[in-house]
Protein backbone atom coordinates (compact mmCIF):
# COMPACT_ATOMS: atom_id res chain seq x y z
CA MET A 1 133.01 107.95 103.70
CA ASN A 2 133.55 105.21 106.26
CA GLN A 3 132.98 101.52 105.61
CA THR A 4 130.06 101.16 108.02
CA VAL A 5 127.39 98.74 106.85
CA PHE A 6 124.22 100.82 106.93
CA ASP A 7 120.89 99.24 107.73
CA VAL A 8 119.31 100.86 104.67
CA ALA A 9 120.64 102.81 101.71
CA ILE A 10 118.08 104.97 99.89
CA ILE A 11 118.85 106.05 96.34
CA GLY A 12 116.96 109.23 95.54
CA TYR A 13 116.12 112.18 97.79
CA GLY A 14 112.74 113.24 96.44
CA PRO A 15 109.54 113.08 98.52
CA ALA A 16 109.52 109.25 98.66
CA GLY A 17 113.17 108.88 99.63
CA ALA A 18 113.08 111.71 102.16
CA THR A 19 109.87 110.41 103.75
CA LEU A 20 111.29 106.90 104.02
CA ALA A 21 114.46 108.29 105.61
CA ASN A 22 112.34 110.14 108.20
CA LEU A 23 110.32 107.04 109.04
CA LEU A 24 113.41 104.84 109.33
CA GLY A 25 115.13 107.55 111.36
CA GLN A 26 112.31 107.36 113.88
CA TYR A 27 112.96 103.65 114.26
CA GLY A 28 116.61 104.38 115.06
CA LEU A 29 117.94 102.59 111.99
CA SER A 30 121.18 103.69 110.34
CA VAL A 31 120.36 105.14 106.92
CA LEU A 32 122.39 106.49 104.02
CA VAL A 33 120.62 108.67 101.45
CA LEU A 34 122.39 109.12 98.11
CA GLU A 35 121.30 111.83 95.66
CA ARG A 36 123.08 112.86 92.47
CA GLU A 37 121.65 116.41 92.36
CA GLY A 38 123.10 119.15 94.50
CA GLU A 39 119.95 121.13 95.26
CA ILE A 40 116.21 120.71 95.48
CA TYR A 41 114.71 121.11 92.01
CA PRO A 42 113.31 124.65 92.27
CA LEU A 43 110.30 124.48 89.93
CA PRO A 44 106.81 123.02 90.47
CA ARG A 45 106.22 119.31 89.95
CA ALA A 46 103.75 117.38 92.13
CA ILE A 47 101.04 119.66 93.55
CA HIS A 48 98.49 117.41 95.33
CA PHE A 49 98.39 114.83 98.09
CA ASP A 50 95.53 113.21 99.98
CA GLY A 51 94.57 112.72 103.63
CA GLU A 52 96.31 109.37 103.97
CA THR A 53 99.55 110.97 102.79
CA MET A 54 99.21 113.76 105.38
CA ARG A 55 98.73 111.04 107.97
CA VAL A 56 102.07 109.49 106.98
CA PHE A 57 103.71 112.89 107.36
CA GLU A 58 102.05 113.07 110.78
CA THR A 59 103.52 109.66 111.68
CA ALA A 60 106.90 111.05 110.63
CA GLY A 61 106.41 113.89 113.12
CA LEU A 62 106.11 116.57 110.44
CA ARG A 63 102.41 117.37 110.14
CA PRO A 64 102.58 120.97 111.48
CA GLN A 65 105.47 121.79 109.16
CA VAL A 66 103.69 120.26 106.16
CA GLU A 67 100.47 122.08 107.01
CA SER A 68 102.42 125.35 107.05
CA ILE A 69 103.39 124.98 103.37
CA SER A 70 100.18 123.41 102.01
CA ARG A 71 96.50 124.28 101.83
CA PRO A 72 93.44 122.04 102.16
CA GLY A 73 91.50 121.58 98.93
CA LEU A 74 87.90 121.82 100.06
CA LYS A 75 86.03 122.39 96.80
CA GLY A 76 86.78 119.11 95.05
CA MET A 77 87.47 118.38 91.40
CA TYR A 78 84.92 119.19 88.70
CA PHE A 79 84.76 117.59 85.27
CA ASN A 80 83.15 120.10 82.90
CA ASN A 81 82.24 119.71 79.25
CA ALA A 82 83.04 122.17 76.46
CA THR A 83 80.12 124.45 77.40
CA GLY A 84 81.08 124.50 81.09
CA GLU A 85 78.40 122.09 82.33
CA THR A 86 79.54 119.85 85.18
CA LEU A 87 79.45 116.18 84.28
CA LEU A 88 81.27 114.59 87.20
CA ILE A 89 82.48 115.59 90.66
CA ARG A 90 85.07 113.90 92.84
CA ALA A 91 83.43 113.34 96.21
CA GLY A 92 84.91 113.03 99.66
CA THR A 93 86.39 116.50 99.93
CA GLN A 94 86.09 117.70 103.52
CA GLU A 95 88.03 119.61 106.14
CA ARG A 96 88.15 116.74 108.60
CA GLY A 97 88.12 113.47 106.73
CA PRO A 98 88.71 109.91 107.93
CA HIS A 99 92.42 110.53 108.54
CA GLY A 100 91.87 113.35 111.01
CA CYS A 101 92.73 116.04 108.45
CA ALA A 102 91.50 117.44 105.16
CA THR A 103 91.06 114.81 102.49
CA ASN A 104 92.99 116.79 99.84
CA HIS A 105 95.94 119.17 100.03
CA TYR A 106 97.77 121.34 97.49
CA PHE A 107 101.42 122.31 97.79
CA HIS A 108 104.58 123.48 96.03
CA GLN A 109 106.98 120.51 95.83
CA PRO A 110 110.24 122.36 96.57
CA GLU A 111 108.72 123.62 99.84
CA LEU A 112 107.59 120.11 100.81
CA GLU A 113 111.00 118.66 100.03
CA ALA A 114 112.64 121.30 102.20
CA VAL A 115 110.39 120.31 105.11
CA LEU A 116 111.15 116.61 104.67
CA ARG A 117 114.89 117.21 104.44
CA SER A 118 114.85 119.45 107.48
CA GLY A 119 113.15 116.66 109.43
CA LEU A 120 116.21 114.45 109.00
CA GLN A 121 118.26 116.79 111.17
CA ARG A 122 116.59 115.02 114.12
CA TYR A 123 118.43 111.78 113.38
CA PRO A 124 122.23 111.69 113.63
CA GLN A 125 122.24 108.08 112.40
CA VAL A 126 120.72 109.21 109.06
CA GLN A 127 123.41 110.45 106.68
CA VAL A 128 122.68 112.31 103.47
CA ARG A 129 125.15 112.58 100.60
CA ILE A 130 124.10 114.94 97.85
CA ARG A 131 126.03 115.12 94.56
CA HIS A 132 126.73 111.41 94.95
CA GLU A 133 125.79 109.14 92.05
CA VAL A 134 125.35 105.39 92.39
CA THR A 135 126.91 103.73 89.35
CA ALA A 136 126.58 100.03 90.20
CA ILE A 137 124.94 97.78 92.78
CA LYS A 138 125.78 94.21 93.67
CA ASP A 139 123.80 92.09 96.08
CA GLY A 140 125.61 89.91 98.60
CA ALA A 141 125.00 87.31 101.29
CA ASP A 142 125.22 89.78 104.17
CA ALA A 143 124.93 93.18 102.49
CA ALA A 144 124.59 94.89 99.13
CA THR A 145 127.56 96.87 97.82
CA LEU A 146 127.03 100.17 96.02
CA GLN A 147 129.65 101.82 93.86
CA VAL A 148 129.34 105.57 94.35
CA THR A 149 130.93 108.55 92.62
CA ASP A 150 131.31 111.82 94.51
CA LEU A 151 130.43 114.25 91.73
CA GLN A 152 132.21 117.11 93.47
CA THR A 153 135.59 115.36 93.71
CA GLN A 154 135.07 112.61 91.08
CA GLN A 155 136.30 110.13 93.69
CA ASN A 156 134.84 106.62 93.55
CA HIS A 157 134.18 104.48 96.59
CA ALA A 158 132.03 101.58 97.79
CA VAL A 159 129.41 101.58 100.52
CA GLN A 160 127.44 98.70 101.97
CA ALA A 161 123.89 98.38 103.25
CA ARG A 162 121.76 95.51 104.41
CA TYR A 163 118.93 96.75 102.18
CA VAL A 164 118.82 99.18 99.25
CA ILE A 165 115.64 101.04 98.30
CA GLY A 166 115.44 102.58 94.85
CA CYS A 167 113.43 105.78 95.15
CA ASP A 168 115.23 106.87 92.01
CA GLY A 169 112.37 107.67 89.68
CA ALA A 170 111.08 106.52 86.33
CA ARG A 171 114.60 105.88 84.96
CA SER A 172 115.56 103.88 88.05
CA LEU A 173 119.03 102.34 88.17
CA VAL A 174 117.81 99.92 90.82
CA ARG A 175 115.05 98.70 88.51
CA LYS A 176 117.61 98.15 85.75
CA VAL A 177 119.79 96.14 88.13
CA LEU A 178 116.77 94.04 89.07
CA GLY A 179 115.91 93.50 85.42
CA THR A 180 112.28 94.26 86.21
CA ARG A 181 109.92 94.80 83.31
CA MET A 182 107.11 97.35 83.34
CA ARG A 183 103.55 96.18 82.62
CA ASP A 184 101.66 98.62 80.42
CA LEU A 185 98.17 99.58 81.68
CA GLY A 186 97.22 101.38 78.52
CA LEU A 187 97.72 105.15 78.67
CA HIS A 188 100.60 107.09 77.08
CA GLN A 189 99.69 110.64 76.16
CA PRO A 190 101.82 113.80 75.89
CA TRP A 191 100.56 116.82 77.83
CA LEU A 192 101.90 120.32 78.29
CA VAL A 193 102.25 121.37 81.94
CA PHE A 194 102.14 125.15 82.29
CA ASP A 195 102.73 126.84 85.68
CA VAL A 196 102.24 130.54 86.36
CA ARG A 197 102.48 132.94 89.30
CA LEU A 198 99.76 135.56 89.47
CA LYS A 199 100.83 139.19 89.62
CA THR A 200 97.36 140.38 90.55
CA ASN A 201 94.10 138.96 91.78
CA VAL A 202 92.12 137.23 89.01
CA PRO A 203 88.67 136.68 90.53
CA THR A 204 87.36 134.82 87.49
CA LEU A 205 89.76 131.92 88.04
CA PRO A 206 88.12 129.01 89.93
CA ASP A 207 89.35 128.24 93.43
CA HIS A 208 89.08 124.50 92.75
CA THR A 209 90.43 122.02 90.19
CA VAL A 210 88.57 121.85 86.87
CA GLN A 211 88.98 119.16 84.23
CA HIS A 212 87.92 120.83 80.97
CA CYS A 213 86.63 117.86 78.96
CA ASP A 214 86.60 119.81 75.68
CA PRO A 215 87.20 117.60 72.64
CA ALA A 216 88.81 120.54 70.82
CA ARG A 217 91.52 120.76 73.50
CA PRO A 218 91.27 118.84 76.82
CA MET A 219 92.78 120.77 79.74
CA THR A 220 93.12 120.71 83.50
CA TYR A 221 93.20 123.83 85.67
CA CYS A 222 94.54 123.76 89.27
CA ASN A 223 94.60 126.35 92.02
CA VAL A 224 97.83 125.32 93.76
CA THR A 225 98.98 127.47 96.70
CA GLY A 226 99.32 131.22 97.14
CA ASN A 227 99.59 132.83 93.73
CA ARG A 228 100.52 129.64 91.89
CA ARG A 229 98.19 128.27 89.21
CA ARG A 230 98.64 125.39 86.77
CA TRP A 231 97.18 124.38 83.42
CA GLU A 232 97.76 120.90 81.99
CA ILE A 233 97.01 120.93 78.28
CA MET A 234 96.70 117.86 76.08
CA LEU A 235 98.76 117.83 72.91
CA MET A 236 96.74 117.32 69.75
CA PRO A 237 97.71 115.89 66.34
CA GLY A 238 99.86 118.41 64.49
CA ASP A 239 101.17 120.14 67.61
CA GLN A 240 104.90 120.79 67.50
CA GLU A 241 106.43 120.39 70.94
CA ASP A 242 109.02 123.13 70.53
CA GLN A 243 106.29 125.60 69.56
CA MET A 244 103.90 124.56 72.31
CA VAL A 245 106.24 125.76 75.07
CA GLN A 246 106.78 129.20 73.52
CA PRO A 247 105.25 132.06 75.54
CA GLU A 248 103.05 133.30 72.69
CA THR A 249 101.56 129.82 72.29
CA LEU A 250 101.07 129.38 76.02
CA TRP A 251 99.23 132.66 76.47
CA LYS A 252 97.04 131.94 73.48
CA LEU A 253 96.05 128.55 74.91
CA VAL A 254 94.85 130.06 78.20
CA SER A 255 93.65 133.41 76.86
CA LYS A 256 90.04 132.85 77.96
CA TRP A 257 91.20 132.73 81.61
CA ILE A 258 94.33 134.87 81.97
CA THR A 259 96.67 137.31 80.21
CA PRO A 260 100.42 138.01 80.37
CA GLU A 261 99.62 141.19 82.30
CA GLN A 262 98.13 139.11 85.10
CA ALA A 263 100.77 136.42 85.56
CA ASP A 264 104.37 135.36 84.97
CA ILE A 265 105.33 132.02 83.46
CA GLU A 266 107.14 129.87 85.98
CA ARG A 267 107.53 126.70 83.95
CA ALA A 268 106.31 125.07 80.74
CA VAL A 269 107.28 121.49 79.95
CA ILE A 270 105.86 118.56 78.03
CA TYR A 271 105.37 115.25 79.80
CA THR A 272 104.10 111.95 78.50
CA PHE A 273 101.61 110.65 81.04
CA HIS A 274 102.17 106.91 81.52
CA SER A 275 100.27 104.11 83.22
CA VAL A 276 102.74 101.32 84.02
CA ILE A 277 103.57 99.08 86.95
CA ALA A 278 106.69 97.03 87.64
CA GLU A 279 106.51 93.27 87.91
CA GLY A 280 109.13 92.50 90.53
CA TRP A 281 109.65 95.17 93.21
CA ARG A 282 112.16 93.14 95.17
CA GLN A 283 115.13 90.93 94.52
CA GLY A 284 117.18 89.94 97.55
CA ARG A 285 118.30 93.09 99.33
CA LEU A 286 117.15 95.48 96.57
CA MET A 287 113.67 97.03 96.38
CA LEU A 288 111.79 99.67 94.39
CA ALA A 289 109.47 102.43 95.56
CA GLY A 290 107.56 105.30 93.96
CA ASP A 291 108.00 106.08 90.27
CA ALA A 292 110.63 103.37 90.03
CA ALA A 293 107.84 100.85 90.69
CA HIS A 294 104.80 102.48 89.07
CA GLN A 295 103.66 105.53 87.14
CA THR A 296 100.14 106.91 86.92
CA PRO A 297 98.50 109.63 84.86
CA PRO A 298 97.73 112.64 87.07
CA PHE A 299 93.94 112.70 86.75
CA LEU A 300 93.48 111.61 90.39
CA GLY A 301 96.52 113.46 91.76
CA GLN A 302 97.90 110.17 93.10
CA GLY A 303 101.45 109.95 91.77
CA MET A 304 103.25 111.13 94.88
CA CYS A 305 100.57 109.67 97.17
CA ALA A 306 101.29 106.20 95.82
CA ALA A 307 104.99 106.68 96.50
CA ILE A 308 104.33 107.76 100.09
CA ARG A 309 102.09 104.73 100.63
CA ASP A 310 104.93 102.54 99.35
CA VAL A 311 107.42 103.79 101.90
CA SER A 312 104.89 103.73 104.72
CA ASN A 313 104.24 100.06 103.97
CA LEU A 314 107.95 99.32 103.70
CA ALA A 315 109.31 101.21 106.71
CA TRP A 316 107.81 99.10 109.51
CA LYS A 317 108.62 95.87 107.68
CA LEU A 318 112.26 96.87 107.26
CA ASP A 319 112.42 97.71 110.95
CA ALA A 320 110.93 94.36 111.98
CA VAL A 321 113.36 92.42 109.78
CA LEU A 322 116.43 94.46 110.72
CA ARG A 323 115.68 94.08 114.44
CA GLY A 324 115.36 90.31 114.02
CA CYS A 325 111.68 90.38 114.87
CA ALA A 326 110.57 88.95 111.54
CA ASP A 327 111.94 86.72 108.85
CA ASP A 328 113.25 88.35 105.71
CA ALA A 329 110.23 86.88 103.87
CA LEU A 330 108.10 89.62 105.45
CA LEU A 331 109.52 91.95 102.81
CA ASP A 332 107.92 89.86 100.07
CA THR A 333 104.54 91.14 101.30
CA TYR A 334 105.55 94.65 100.24
CA GLU A 335 104.89 94.10 96.54
CA SER A 336 102.06 91.61 97.06
CA GLU A 337 100.17 94.19 99.14
CA ARG A 338 101.07 97.37 97.32
CA SER A 339 100.94 96.33 93.67
CA PRO A 340 97.19 95.57 93.45
CA HIS A 341 96.47 98.59 95.64
CA VAL A 342 98.32 101.05 93.42
CA GLN A 343 96.88 99.44 90.29
CA ALA A 344 93.36 100.25 91.52
CA PHE A 345 94.30 103.94 91.57
CA ILE A 346 96.02 103.75 88.20
CA ASP A 347 93.02 101.99 86.63
CA LEU A 348 90.65 104.71 87.87
CA ALA A 349 93.01 107.44 86.67
CA VAL A 350 93.07 105.81 83.23
CA LYS A 351 89.25 105.67 83.19
CA LEU A 352 89.06 109.35 84.11
CA GLY A 353 91.64 110.01 81.42
CA ASP A 354 89.36 108.36 78.89
CA ILE A 355 86.62 110.83 79.88
CA ILE A 356 88.89 113.87 79.81
CA GLN A 357 90.87 112.96 76.70
CA THR A 358 87.87 112.35 74.42
CA THR A 359 88.65 114.28 71.24
CA ASP A 360 86.03 112.89 68.85
CA PRO A 361 83.15 115.43 68.82
CA GLN A 362 80.46 112.76 68.41
CA ALA A 363 81.92 110.65 71.22
CA ALA A 364 82.04 113.77 73.41
CA ARG A 365 78.35 114.49 72.67
CA GLU A 366 77.44 110.93 73.62
CA ARG A 367 79.52 111.21 76.78
CA ASP A 368 77.84 114.47 77.74
CA ALA A 369 74.36 113.07 77.09
CA LYS A 370 75.08 110.08 79.30
CA PHE A 371 76.22 112.23 82.20
CA LYS A 372 73.46 114.82 81.75
CA ALA A 373 70.72 112.21 82.11
CA GLY A 374 70.55 113.28 85.74
CA GLN A 375 72.43 115.42 88.25
CA PRO A 376 76.23 115.55 87.96
CA GLU A 377 77.55 112.12 88.84
CA ILE A 378 79.59 112.00 92.05
CA PHE A 379 82.34 109.42 92.22
CA GLN A 380 83.95 108.29 95.44
CA PHE A 381 87.66 108.41 96.05
CA PRO A 382 88.87 104.79 95.92
CA THR A 383 89.73 102.91 99.11
CA PRO A 384 91.11 99.63 97.75
CA ARG A 385 92.17 96.78 99.98
CA LEU A 386 95.76 95.67 100.11
CA GLY A 387 96.77 92.63 98.11
CA PRO A 388 97.71 89.39 99.92
CA GLY A 389 99.98 89.98 102.88
CA ILE A 390 99.94 90.61 106.63
CA TRP A 391 96.21 90.74 107.36
CA LEU A 392 93.37 88.30 107.98
CA GLY A 393 89.74 88.65 106.93
CA GLU A 394 87.60 88.15 103.87
CA GLN A 395 85.85 91.51 103.78
CA ALA A 396 86.61 95.21 104.11
CA PRO A 397 87.49 97.11 106.22
CA VAL A 398 90.25 94.54 106.84
CA ALA A 399 93.30 95.51 104.74
CA GLN A 400 92.05 99.10 104.51
CA VAL A 401 93.23 102.10 106.53
CA PHE A 402 91.68 102.56 109.94
CA PRO A 403 90.21 106.05 110.40
CA GLN A 404 91.88 108.45 112.79
CA PRO A 405 89.35 109.62 115.38
CA THR A 406 89.80 112.33 117.94
CA LEU A 407 90.01 110.80 121.39
CA ALA A 408 88.14 112.06 124.45
CA ASN A 409 91.30 113.87 125.61
CA GLY A 410 91.27 115.92 122.39
CA HIS A 411 94.28 114.18 120.84
CA LEU A 412 94.24 112.31 117.55
CA LEU A 413 94.53 108.54 117.76
CA ASP A 414 97.93 108.31 116.05
CA THR A 415 99.50 110.43 118.79
CA LEU A 416 98.80 107.53 121.13
CA LEU A 417 99.85 104.76 118.75
CA GLY A 418 103.24 106.07 117.64
CA LEU A 419 105.09 103.58 115.42
CA ASN A 420 103.53 100.51 117.00
CA PHE A 421 101.02 97.82 116.30
CA ALA A 422 97.84 98.52 118.26
CA VAL A 423 94.73 96.73 119.43
CA LEU A 424 91.55 98.70 120.14
CA GLY A 425 88.72 96.81 121.79
CA GLU A 426 86.29 96.24 124.60
CA ASP A 427 87.88 95.66 128.02
CA SER A 428 86.47 92.15 128.39
CA VAL A 429 87.82 91.02 125.00
CA LEU A 430 91.28 92.42 125.70
CA ALA A 431 91.33 90.86 129.18
CA GLN A 432 90.58 87.32 128.02
CA VAL A 433 93.24 86.79 125.34
CA SER A 434 95.67 83.89 125.78
CA GLU A 435 99.00 84.11 127.55
CA ASP A 436 100.75 83.52 124.22
CA THR A 437 98.98 86.54 122.76
CA ARG A 438 99.97 88.65 125.74
CA GLU A 439 103.59 87.65 125.25
CA ARG A 440 103.37 88.58 121.57
CA TRP A 441 101.85 91.94 122.39
CA LEU A 442 104.50 92.63 125.01
CA ALA A 443 107.36 91.51 122.76
CA GLN A 444 106.13 93.61 119.83
CA GLY A 445 105.23 96.64 121.96
CA VAL A 446 101.58 96.51 120.93
CA VAL A 447 99.62 99.50 122.22
CA THR A 448 96.33 98.43 123.78
CA VAL A 449 93.47 100.91 123.75
CA ALA A 450 90.23 100.22 125.59
CA ALA A 451 87.33 101.23 123.36
CA ARG A 452 85.87 103.82 125.68
CA ASP A 453 86.29 106.84 123.45
CA PRO A 454 83.00 107.56 121.70
CA GLU A 455 84.42 107.61 118.16
CA VAL A 456 86.33 104.36 118.63
CA LYS A 457 83.30 102.64 120.16
CA ALA A 458 81.05 103.97 117.41
CA TRP A 459 83.35 102.54 114.74
CA LEU A 460 83.41 99.10 116.37
CA ASP A 461 79.62 99.16 116.73
CA GLN A 462 79.23 100.17 113.09
CA GLN A 463 81.35 97.20 112.01
CA GLY A 464 79.62 94.85 114.41
CA VAL A 465 82.89 93.80 116.08
CA ARG A 466 84.45 94.13 119.53
CA ALA A 467 88.13 94.64 118.72
CA VAL A 468 90.46 95.62 115.87
CA LEU A 469 94.20 95.05 115.43
CA LEU A 470 96.14 97.73 113.55
CA ARG A 471 99.54 97.65 111.86
CA PRO A 472 102.10 100.45 112.26
CA ASP A 473 101.02 101.83 108.86
CA ARG A 474 97.43 102.09 110.24
CA TYR A 475 96.06 99.38 107.96
CA ILE A 476 93.68 96.93 109.64
CA LEU A 477 95.31 93.59 110.32
CA GLY A 478 92.06 91.97 111.46
CA LEU A 479 88.73 92.29 113.26
CA ALA A 480 87.61 90.30 116.31
CA GLN A 481 84.26 89.33 117.74
CA ASN A 482 85.84 87.71 120.78
CA SER A 483 89.15 86.89 122.45
CA ALA A 484 89.64 83.74 120.40
CA ASP A 485 89.45 85.82 117.22
CA LEU A 486 91.98 88.22 118.68
CA ASP A 487 94.33 85.32 119.49
CA ARG A 488 94.07 84.06 115.92
CA ILE A 489 94.75 87.50 114.41
CA SER A 490 97.60 88.23 116.81
CA ALA A 491 99.39 85.10 115.55
CA LEU A 492 100.13 87.13 112.40
CA LEU A 493 102.28 89.62 114.31
CA PRO A 494 105.84 89.35 112.95
CA VAL A 495 107.39 88.00 116.14
CA ALA A 496 107.14 84.25 115.61
CA GLY A 497 110.46 82.65 116.48
CA ALA A 498 111.86 86.02 117.50
CA LEU A 499 110.55 86.54 121.02
CA ALA A 500 114.04 86.07 122.38
CA HIS A 501 115.14 89.19 120.52
CA GLY A 502 112.91 91.34 122.75
CA CYS A 503 110.97 92.49 119.72
């Protein structure tokens, strides 16, 4: 390997690392991806992502390919008690949600990883080294140095990168180097994850996700894609882990739904579901993303989604800093924005876990009675605001994701925006901004969109504003009632002191 100093080194080639490499590849940055494993892990792992995640894949230019290996989940998630009565329903499941796509998608992770890896073939400046293990990392004044072992030849060598992103999972080496501690949010529970492939049609199996809130044995059932189905089964006191993964035990646990004649076991493994978040995602040139920074129980299906949000937030900031368009301090807003945001999802997942994992019969009866006081309760999918960072405004929807409307020409908004900041507003407001703002927009390549499309105009009218400024990750930087507001918001664009760079 040559001694080029890469812009970014990514450790870990799972969905987070591969998505980040695609986003950085689009910016033209030089990227090195290092992965110790030789092949994509062939068995199921993550199975769900949301509409915002699909939108990131769309930004990476891979939406059609991802759609080809996933299916929209249009029936929602039902929380049923031991007798099958529905207590709670996750709302917001629709074919065309706020992100211009279905709000939920199911997939087989090896197929998604193959799509993401294939996408990197578009970028000659992105290099991937599989079977390469990072053994040590040292930060430096101008670059970080990584000690790498080629596991095929056992040769050791050093590589350098201006920034290093640890997408290296729950046992992250990068996190160990940083010395970051994990803050416990209160849930640690072993569950058995049991994946099957149907050999025949089983019409009695639901076509949607069901959380079986049965105190005798809490379970989750998922219709994944094609003939794949999953049960997640909570371990109870007295369960012996080695026995729980034996075929005879597995088939007994799911005997009310399926038999060995109807399906083949694909995988059975015991996980401990954790709820933790790192305190310290960045130190100098080293940063964490995905499971290295946070872990959530799966009751909202947000583990991989959180990782994809991380890299979407990070990609445009790395580009701005590496191009000299922003001070290095911009990268400090990564954790300050993302940490409270991901914690909101983890907190809700823990609350749902409390409902699902109730094992005391009396507590379960009280829970059921509370929910059955009326119709099944419908809870909304969370849309938390970012923590403190690059945005301005006291109230939502500032620091939330801007919806993706269909424009009058039939194209989705993001097709027009690309990787850029964007301002959408009334012609008169856009025309009257200051010369300094115009220079900032020109230097940063801000896309200006006159609010003539019905869906854009309707959104502005609904919010009672006349313009909105968007970040490259589609989060709202600020809202404007007039040109003076737009000038004030535009001052946040990361170009201050860098206009000479042609940013």
